[in-house]
Amino acid sequence: MRDKRGGVSRAQGYKLVKRAWAQIKDDIDETGIDRQELLSWAIQTLITASGQAMKQKNPGVVVSCIRQLDHMTGTGYNSHRGYGFHRRLH
């Protein structure tokens, strides 16, 4: 789905990043590649992607990249609270 400005919606961006990461993880598990090297590459790639999304004013992709970084590294706000991401109900 595209948003009004022609970009990818936040939900769609998150699904795409999540699906891509799952595929990368499966490929790594099969090949036995060095996980630390791959993690470094993935972090750099996500940082670059979030920077490009910021330049394109696409907050959905920025949020997706940051969420994935949080998930991969466990350094985000929700990582320290003992549970995953929860939306507030209004």
C-alpha atoms as a PDB file:
ATOM      1  CA  MET A   1       0.000   0.000   0.000  1.00  0.00           C
ATOM      2  CA  ARG A   2       1.174   3.498  -0.758  1.00  0.00           C
ATOM      3  CA  ASP A   3       0.456   6.558   1.292  1.00  0.00           C
ATOM      4  CA  LYS A   4      -0.942   9.801  -0.138  1.00  0.00           C
ATOM      5  CA  ARG A   5       2.527  11.059  -1.089  1.00  0.00           C
ATOM      6  CA  GLY A   6       3.389   7.940  -3.099  1.00  0.00           C
ATOM      7  CA  GLY A   7       5.590   6.256  -0.476  1.00  0.00           C
ATOM      8  CA  VAL A   8       5.121   2.979   1.347  1.00  0.00           C
ATOM      9  CA  SER A   9       2.789   2.987   4.331  1.00  0.00           C
ATOM     10  CA  ARG A  10       4.274   2.477   7.785  1.00  0.00           C
ATOM     11  CA  ALA A  11       2.612  -0.922   8.188  1.00  0.00           C
ATOM     12  CA  GLN A  12       3.715  -2.085   4.744  1.00  0.00           C
ATOM     13  CA  GLY A  13       7.270  -0.841   5.331  1.00  0.00           C
ATOM     14  CA  TYR A  14       7.446  -2.760   8.593  1.00  0.00           C
ATOM     15  CA  LYS A  15       6.125  -5.932   6.933  1.00  0.00           C
ATOM     16  CA  LEU A  16       8.688  -5.642   4.138  1.00  0.00           C
ATOM     17  CA  VAL A  17      11.598  -5.117   6.537  1.00  0.00           C
ATOM     18  CA  LYS A  18      10.395  -7.943   8.780  1.00  0.00           C
ATOM     19  CA  ARG A  19      10.013 -10.347   5.845  1.00  0.00           C
ATOM     20  CA  ALA A  20      13.434  -9.392   4.449  1.00  0.00           C
ATOM     21  CA  TRP A  21      15.064  -9.913   7.842  1.00  0.00           C
ATOM     22  CA  ALA A  22      13.416 -13.340   8.218  1.00  0.00           C
ATOM     23  CA  GLN A  23      14.805 -14.359   4.818  1.00  0.00           C
ATOM     24  CA  ILE A  24      18.277 -13.105   5.706  1.00  0.00           C
ATOM     25  CA  LYS A  25      18.151 -14.988   9.016  1.00  0.00           C
ATOM     26  CA  ASP A  26      17.123 -18.221   7.276  1.00  0.00           C
ATOM     27  CA  ASP A  27      19.933 -17.812   4.736  1.00  0.00           C
ATOM     28  CA  ILE A  28      22.468 -17.260   7.506  1.00  0.00           C
ATOM     29  CA  ASP A  29      21.321 -20.274   9.459  1.00  0.00           C
ATOM     30  CA  GLU A  30      21.827 -22.418   6.348  1.00  0.00           C
ATOM     31  CA  THR A  31      25.308 -21.124   5.508  1.00  0.00           C
ATOM     32  CA  GLY A  32      26.865 -20.675   8.945  1.00  0.00           C
ATOM     33  CA  ILE A  33      28.149 -17.169   8.105  1.00  0.00           C
ATOM     34  CA  ASP A  34      29.822 -15.134  10.859  1.00  0.00           C
ATOM     35  CA  ARG A  35      26.896 -13.649  12.784  1.00  0.00           C
ATOM     36  CA  GLN A  36      28.821 -10.694  14.222  1.00  0.00           C
ATOM     37  CA  GLU A  37      29.941  -9.594  10.775  1.00  0.00           C
ATOM     38  CA  LEU A  38      26.429  -9.968   9.442  1.00  0.00           C
ATOM     39  CA  LEU A  39      24.934  -8.041  12.355  1.00  0.00           C
ATOM     40  CA  SER A  40      27.356  -5.195  11.665  1.00  0.00           C
ATOM     41  CA  TRP A  41      26.349  -5.200   8.003  1.00  0.00           C
ATOM     42  CA  ALA A  42      22.627  -5.314   8.840  1.00  0.00           C
ATOM     43  CA  ILE A  43      22.912  -2.448  11.310  1.00  0.00           C
ATOM     44  CA  GLN A  44      24.759  -0.304   8.789  1.00  0.00           C
ATOM     45  CA  THR A  45      22.241  -1.142   6.066  1.00  0.00           C
ATOM     46  CA  LEU A  46      19.266  -0.277   8.292  1.00  0.00           C
ATOM     47  CA  ILE A  47      20.884   2.989   9.376  1.00  0.00           C
ATOM     48  CA  THR A  48      21.489   3.895   5.734  1.00  0.00           C
ATOM     49  CA  ALA A  49      17.924   2.949   4.776  1.00  0.00           C
ATOM     50  CA  SER A  50      16.469   5.023   7.605  1.00  0.00           C
ATOM     51  CA  GLY A  51      18.601   7.999   6.536  1.00  0.00           C
ATOM     52  CA  GLN A  52      17.360   7.719   2.965  1.00  0.00           C
ATOM     53  CA  ALA A  53      13.774   7.434   4.188  1.00  0.00           C
ATOM     54  CA  MET A  54      14.223  10.569   6.288  1.00  0.00           C
ATOM     55  CA  LYS A  55      15.481  12.459   3.233  1.00  0.00           C
ATOM     56  CA  GLN A  56      12.427  11.219   1.306  1.00  0.00           C
ATOM     57  CA  LYS A  57      10.179  12.247   4.218  1.00  0.00           C
ATOM     58  CA  ASN A  58       8.868   8.708   4.640  1.00  0.00           C
ATOM     59  CA  PRO A  59       8.342   8.219   8.390  1.00  0.00           C
ATOM     60  CA  GLY A  60       6.850   4.739   7.955  1.00  0.00           C
ATOM     61  CA  VAL A  61      10.102   3.303   6.648  1.00  0.00           C
ATOM     62  CA  VAL A  62      12.122   5.189   9.283  1.00  0.00           C
ATOM     63  CA  VAL A  63      10.004   3.657  12.039  1.00  0.00           C
ATOM     64  CA  SER A  64      10.300   0.210  10.468  1.00  0.00           C
ATOM     65  CA  CYS A  65      14.085   0.448  10.324  1.00  0.00           C
ATOM     66  CA  ILE A  66      14.332   1.656  13.904  1.00  0.00           C
ATOM     67  CA  ARG A  67      12.028  -1.111  15.128  1.00  0.00           C
ATOM     68  CA  GLN A  68      14.123  -3.696  13.345  1.00  0.00           C
ATOM     69  CA  LEU A  69      17.314  -2.261  14.843  1.00  0.00           C
ATOM     70  CA  ASP A  70      15.679  -2.430  18.270  1.00  0.00           C
ATOM     71  CA  HIS A  71      14.643  -6.023  17.678  1.00  0.00           C
ATOM     72  CA  MET A  72      18.088  -7.053  16.452  1.00  0.00           C
ATOM     73  CA  THR A  73      20.121  -5.304  19.125  1.00  0.00           C
ATOM     74  CA  GLY A  74      17.765  -5.151  22.107  1.00  0.00           C
ATOM     75  CA  THR A  75      18.747  -1.555  22.864  1.00  0.00           C
ATOM     76  CA  GLY A  76      15.377   0.181  22.569  1.00  0.00           C
ATOM     77  CA  TYR A  77      12.974   1.467  25.198  1.00  0.00           C
ATOM     78  CA  ASN A  78      10.759  -1.633  25.167  1.00  0.00           C
ATOM     79  CA  SER A  79      13.741  -3.982  25.280  1.00  0.00           C
ATOM     80  CA  HIS A  80      14.525  -2.872  28.827  1.00  0.00           C
ATOM     81  CA  ARG A  81      10.983  -3.147  30.105  1.00  0.00           C
ATOM     82  CA  GLY A  82      10.730  -6.899  29.675  1.00  0.00           C
ATOM     83  CA  TYR A  83       8.147  -6.993  26.898  1.00  0.00           C
ATOM     84  CA  GLY A  84       7.733  -6.256  23.230  1.00  0.00           C
ATOM     85  CA  PHE A  85       6.164  -3.346  21.430  1.00  0.00           C
ATOM     86  CA  HIS A  86       2.617  -2.588  22.587  1.00  0.00           C
ATOM     87  CA  ARG A  87       0.261  -0.036  21.118  1.00  0.00           C
ATOM     88  CA  ARG A  88      -1.755   2.079  23.479  1.00  0.00           C
ATOM     89  CA  LEU A  89      -5.473   1.643  23.044  1.00  0.00           C
ATOM     90  CA  HIS A  90      -7.399   4.898  22.768  1.00  0.00           C
END
